[in-house]
Amino acid sequence: MYSKINNQYAVLCYSKNAADCYQKGEYFDTEEEAKDWVENECWIFSGEGWICLNCHDAFMGSLTSHRKKQGNGLDGVDGNIEAHDGLDNDLETGIDIVR
């Protein structure tokens, strides 16, 4: 999805869940330039729309919290124990950008 103002385009954040969500990217003359900007900023394409990094971090933090509350087959309460599902209890949030 794009926002169009004065013949300029910006990609909208599909999620809009984080309190500090970007809501939309920067405006450019074409949709392609707006898409290139979010790709360069490492926004994540969900298949239905682009998700800004703040919303991604909020989602992953919520998912981590949910997994810990659910237990996921943990034998104890120590956060360093690996669940029976083979996944680490602490999910990574954020993207390390190398430029």
C-alpha atoms as a PDB file:
ATOM      1  CA  MET A   1       0.000   0.000   0.000  1.00  0.00           C
ATOM      2  CA  TYR A   2       1.088   3.483  -0.820  1.00  0.00           C
ATOM      3  CA  SER A   3       0.186   6.921   0.407  1.00  0.00           C
ATOM      4  CA  LYS A   4      -0.020   9.512  -2.357  1.00  0.00           C
ATOM      5  CA  ILE A   5       0.246  13.225  -1.601  1.00  0.00           C
ATOM      6  CA  ASN A   6       0.996  15.895  -4.209  1.00  0.00           C
ATOM      7  CA  ASN A   7       1.936  13.239  -6.783  1.00  0.00           C
ATOM      8  CA  GLN A   8       4.500  11.687  -4.430  1.00  0.00           C
ATOM      9  CA  TYR A   9       4.382   8.186  -2.984  1.00  0.00           C
ATOM     10  CA  ALA A  10       5.304   6.614   0.346  1.00  0.00           C
ATOM     11  CA  VAL A  11       4.952   3.006   1.461  1.00  0.00           C
ATOM     12  CA  LEU A  12       2.593   2.517   4.411  1.00  0.00           C
ATOM     13  CA  CYS A  13       3.436   0.227   7.314  1.00  0.00           C
ATOM     14  CA  TYR A  14       1.005  -2.695   7.084  1.00  0.00           C
ATOM     15  CA  SER A  15       1.135  -3.576  10.787  1.00  0.00           C
ATOM     16  CA  LYS A  16       0.913  -0.253  12.656  1.00  0.00           C
ATOM     17  CA  ASN A  17       1.109  -2.109  16.002  1.00  0.00           C
ATOM     18  CA  ALA A  18       4.088  -0.436  17.660  1.00  0.00           C
ATOM     19  CA  ALA A  19       3.588   2.716  19.697  1.00  0.00           C
ATOM     20  CA  ASP A  20       6.499   4.237  17.756  1.00  0.00           C
ATOM     21  CA  CYS A  21       5.441   2.906  14.334  1.00  0.00           C
ATOM     22  CA  TYR A  22       6.773   4.894  11.392  1.00  0.00           C
ATOM     23  CA  GLN A  23       3.282   4.709   9.786  1.00  0.00           C
ATOM     24  CA  LYS A  24       4.838   5.399   6.379  1.00  0.00           C
ATOM     25  CA  GLY A  25       8.179   5.777   4.681  1.00  0.00           C
ATOM     26  CA  GLU A  26       9.587   8.846   2.986  1.00  0.00           C
ATOM     27  CA  TYR A  27       7.856  10.348  -0.051  1.00  0.00           C
ATOM     28  CA  PHE A  28       9.266   9.925  -3.554  1.00  0.00           C
ATOM     29  CA  ASP A  29       8.253  10.731  -7.110  1.00  0.00           C
ATOM     30  CA  THR A  30       7.410   7.113  -7.986  1.00  0.00           C
ATOM     31  CA  GLU A  31       6.093   4.019  -6.232  1.00  0.00           C
ATOM     32  CA  GLU A  32       9.268   2.188  -7.266  1.00  0.00           C
ATOM     33  CA  GLU A  33      11.489   4.742  -5.501  1.00  0.00           C
ATOM     34  CA  ALA A  34       9.328   4.510  -2.369  1.00  0.00           C
ATOM     35  CA  LYS A  35       9.607   0.711  -2.460  1.00  0.00           C
ATOM     36  CA  ASP A  36      13.368   0.901  -2.938  1.00  0.00           C
ATOM     37  CA  TRP A  37      13.609   3.158   0.135  1.00  0.00           C
ATOM     38  CA  VAL A  38      11.781   0.702   2.443  1.00  0.00           C
ATOM     39  CA  GLU A  39      13.894  -2.160   1.088  1.00  0.00           C
ATOM     40  CA  ASN A  40      17.080  -0.183   1.811  1.00  0.00           C
ATOM     41  CA  GLU A  41      15.784   0.610   5.312  1.00  0.00           C
ATOM     42  CA  CYS A  42      15.217  -3.156   5.804  1.00  0.00           C
ATOM     43  CA  TRP A  43      11.457  -3.031   6.268  1.00  0.00           C
ATOM     44  CA  ILE A  44       9.999  -6.538   6.059  1.00  0.00           C
ATOM     45  CA  PHE A  45       7.565  -7.621   3.368  1.00  0.00           C
ATOM     46  CA  SER A  46       4.916  -9.863   4.931  1.00  0.00           C
ATOM     47  CA  GLY A  47       3.327 -10.988   1.690  1.00  0.00           C
ATOM     48  CA  GLU A  48       0.445  -8.604   2.332  1.00  0.00           C
ATOM     49  CA  GLY A  49       2.379  -5.402   2.944  1.00  0.00           C
ATOM     50  CA  TRP A  50       5.530  -3.807   4.337  1.00  0.00           C
ATOM     51  CA  ILE A  51       6.217  -3.812   8.102  1.00  0.00           C
ATOM     52  CA  CYS A  52       8.477  -1.161   9.620  1.00  0.00           C
ATOM     53  CA  LEU A  53      11.274  -2.213  11.954  1.00  0.00           C
ATOM     54  CA  ASN A  54       9.570  -0.833  15.068  1.00  0.00           C
ATOM     55  CA  CYS A  55       6.448  -2.917  14.436  1.00  0.00           C
ATOM     56  CA  HIS A  56       8.606  -5.964  13.703  1.00  0.00           C
ATOM     57  CA  ASP A  57      10.473  -5.504  17.001  1.00  0.00           C
ATOM     58  CA  ALA A  58       7.186  -5.072  18.892  1.00  0.00           C
ATOM     59  CA  PHE A  59       5.772  -8.231  17.301  1.00  0.00           C
ATOM     60  CA  MET A  60       8.868 -10.313  18.046  1.00  0.00           C
ATOM     61  CA  GLY A  61       8.973  -9.035  21.646  1.00  0.00           C
ATOM     62  CA  SER A  62       5.320  -9.964  22.076  1.00  0.00           C
ATOM     63  CA  LEU A  63       5.921 -13.388  20.548  1.00  0.00           C
ATOM     64  CA  THR A  64       8.871 -14.006  22.880  1.00  0.00           C
ATOM     65  CA  SER A  65       6.759 -13.023  25.885  1.00  0.00           C
ATOM     66  CA  HIS A  66       3.905 -15.260  24.716  1.00  0.00           C
ATOM     67  CA  ARG A  67       6.200 -18.264  24.207  1.00  0.00           C
ATOM     68  CA  LYS A  68       7.617 -17.854  27.713  1.00  0.00           C
ATOM     69  CA  LYS A  69       4.118 -17.602  29.241  1.00  0.00           C
ATOM     70  CA  GLN A  70       2.965 -20.701  27.349  1.00  0.00           C
ATOM     71  CA  GLY A  71       6.014 -22.689  28.445  1.00  0.00           C
ATOM     72  CA  ASN A  72       6.333 -24.547  25.146  1.00  0.00           C
ATOM     73  CA  GLY A  73       7.245 -27.757  26.942  1.00  0.00           C
ATOM     74  CA  LEU A  74       9.979 -26.303  29.136  1.00  0.00           C
ATOM     75  CA  ASP A  75      11.236 -28.538  31.924  1.00  0.00           C
ATOM     76  CA  GLY A  76      11.807 -25.551  34.214  1.00  0.00           C
ATOM     77  CA  VAL A  77      11.490 -21.816  34.477  1.00  0.00           C
ATOM     78  CA  ASP A  78      15.094 -20.943  33.602  1.00  0.00           C
ATOM     79  CA  GLY A  79      15.079 -18.708  30.516  1.00  0.00           C
ATOM     80  CA  ASN A  80      18.207 -20.442  29.177  1.00  0.00           C
ATOM     81  CA  ILE A  81      16.550 -23.852  28.809  1.00  0.00           C
ATOM     82  CA  GLU A  82      15.783 -24.928  25.279  1.00  0.00           C
ATOM     83  CA  ALA A  83      12.140 -25.829  24.659  1.00  0.00           C
ATOM     84  CA  HIS A  84      11.136 -29.245  23.326  1.00  0.00           C
ATOM     85  CA  ASP A  85      10.181 -27.587  20.052  1.00  0.00           C
ATOM     86  CA  GLY A  86      13.893 -27.132  19.289  1.00  0.00           C
ATOM     87  CA  LEU A  87      13.629 -23.361  19.159  1.00  0.00           C
ATOM     88  CA  ASP A  88      15.519 -20.987  21.391  1.00  0.00           C
ATOM     89  CA  ASN A  89      13.288 -19.258  23.963  1.00  0.00           C
ATOM     90  CA  ASP A  90      14.695 -15.834  23.163  1.00  0.00           C
ATOM     91  CA  LEU A  91      13.705 -14.746  19.680  1.00  0.00           C
ATOM     92  CA  GLU A  92      15.832 -12.168  17.960  1.00  0.00           C
ATOM     93  CA  THR A  93      14.409  -8.709  17.495  1.00  0.00           C
ATOM     94  CA  GLY A  94      15.768  -6.070  15.189  1.00  0.00           C
ATOM     95  CA  ILE A  95      17.991  -6.415  12.208  1.00  0.00           C
ATOM     96  CA  ASP A  96      21.715  -5.781  12.288  1.00  0.00           C
ATOM     97  CA  ILE A  97      22.318  -3.476   9.365  1.00  0.00           C
ATOM     98  CA  VAL A  98      25.765  -3.601   7.819  1.00  0.00           C
ATOM     99  CA  ARG A  99      26.505  -0.620   5.631  1.00  0.00           C
END
